[in-house]
Structures are given as structure tokens and as C-alpha cells.
Amino acid sequence: MEVSKLKKLIEDCFTTIYFKYAGEWGNVEPCYNEKTGYSYSCYYGDVDIILSDIDDVMNLKFVCGKSLNEISNDLEDVDW
């Protein structure tokens, strides 16, 4: 999936985005709270982190030491 499309899916805060990479499932779960604004829970393997900026989500190397920007075209079974 193109990186811009993946970022837009996550940024739209519609629902959890699931993906598979290197045989393992991960996801990014967007959330919104009136007090704190947007946040994104990022899960893959042993990584479980909450970020508040979409650019941080796309640049964080939480998937096998790589960022979503780096591997977006290699993700399998992207679903929401």
C-alpha cells in the first residue's frame, strides 16, 4: 500500500488498521478524546506504544526495526 494512502487511513481515525509483516500481525489503533485530542496505539510483536502525532507513528521504527514509511509497500493483508 502506498505510504500516503496508509497514512491517510490512520489519520482519518476511522478504525483500527491491521497489517501483517514478516509473518506477524500488527496494528495501529487511532483514538480521539476531547481533552487530549488524537492518539495512536501502535502494536507489533513486543511493542505497544501510544503516540499523539501521526508523523511519529509513520516514522517510529516499531515493526522489525523499521518504520511504516519504510515498509508500507511490503505490508500484507492490510485491513480495517
Protein backbone atom coordinates (compact mmCIF):
# COMPACT_ATOMS: atom_id res chain seq x y z
CA MET A 1 0.00 0.00 0.00
CA GLU A 2 1.31 3.44 -0.85
CA VAL A 3 2.63 5.29 2.19
CA SER A 4 0.33 8.28 1.60
CA LYS A 5 -2.75 6.02 1.48
CA LEU A 6 -1.70 4.19 4.67
CA LYS A 7 -1.09 7.48 6.47
CA LYS A 8 -4.49 8.81 5.35
CA LEU A 9 -6.26 5.66 6.59
CA ILE A 10 -4.68 6.01 10.02
CA GLU A 11 -5.08 9.77 10.13
CA ASP A 12 -8.81 9.61 9.34
CA CYS A 13 -9.24 7.97 12.75
CA PHE A 14 -11.90 5.63 11.35
CA THR A 15 -10.97 2.31 12.94
CA THR A 16 -8.05 0.04 13.76
CA ILE A 17 -5.73 -0.65 10.81
CA TYR A 18 -4.42 -4.23 10.83
CA PHE A 19 -1.41 -5.40 8.85
CA LYS A 20 0.91 -8.35 8.54
CA TYR A 21 4.68 -8.06 8.14
CA ALA A 22 7.29 -10.81 8.26
CA GLY A 23 4.56 -13.30 9.17
CA GLU A 24 3.39 -11.40 12.25
CA TRP A 25 0.29 -9.26 12.78
CA GLY A 26 0.37 -5.68 13.98
CA ASN A 27 -1.98 -2.75 14.10
CA VAL A 28 -2.41 0.94 14.65
CA GLU A 29 -5.49 1.95 16.60
CA PRO A 30 -6.46 5.61 16.28
CA CYS A 31 -8.36 7.16 19.18
CA TYR A 32 -9.85 10.56 19.89
CA ASN A 33 -10.54 12.20 23.23
CA GLU A 34 -11.97 15.71 23.59
CA LYS A 35 -9.45 16.53 26.33
CA THR A 36 -6.28 15.15 24.77
CA GLY A 37 -7.08 15.05 21.05
CA TYR A 38 -5.84 12.26 18.81
CA SER A 39 -3.65 9.39 19.88
CA TYR A 40 -2.49 6.24 18.11
CA SER A 41 -1.79 2.90 19.77
CA CYS A 42 0.89 1.05 17.81
CA TYR A 43 1.27 -2.71 18.26
CA TYR A 44 3.72 -5.16 16.72
CA GLY A 45 5.47 -8.07 18.42
CA ASP A 46 6.51 -6.89 21.88
CA VAL A 47 5.99 -3.21 21.02
CA ASP A 48 2.95 -1.49 22.50
CA ILE A 49 3.25 2.29 22.42
CA ILE A 50 0.88 5.25 22.30
CA LEU A 51 1.80 8.30 20.22
CA SER A 52 -0.03 11.58 19.69
CA ASP A 53 1.37 12.62 16.32
CA ILE A 54 0.68 10.86 13.01
CA ASP A 55 4.18 11.68 11.73
CA ASP A 56 5.66 9.96 14.80
CA VAL A 57 3.51 6.91 14.02
CA MET A 58 4.77 6.80 10.44
CA ASN A 59 8.43 7.33 11.45
CA LEU A 60 8.67 5.15 14.58
CA LYS A 61 10.73 2.02 13.90
CA PHE A 62 8.36 -0.36 15.72
CA VAL A 63 7.98 -3.07 13.04
CA CYS A 64 11.10 -5.25 12.95
CA GLY A 65 13.21 -2.12 13.47
CA LYS A 66 11.57 -0.37 10.51
CA SER A 67 9.02 2.42 10.20
CA LEU A 68 5.69 2.28 8.40
CA ASN A 69 7.13 4.83 5.96
CA GLU A 70 9.86 2.32 5.07
CA ILE A 71 7.71 -0.79 4.74
CA SER A 72 4.26 0.39 3.65
CA ASN A 73 4.57 -1.25 0.23
CA ASP A 74 5.64 -4.55 1.85
CA LEU A 75 2.73 -4.84 4.30
CA GLU A 76 0.42 -7.80 3.72
CA ASP A 77 -3.28 -8.17 4.44
CA VAL A 78 -3.86 -4.51 5.31
CA ASP A 79 -7.42 -4.34 6.60
CA TRP A 80 -9.65 -2.10 8.67
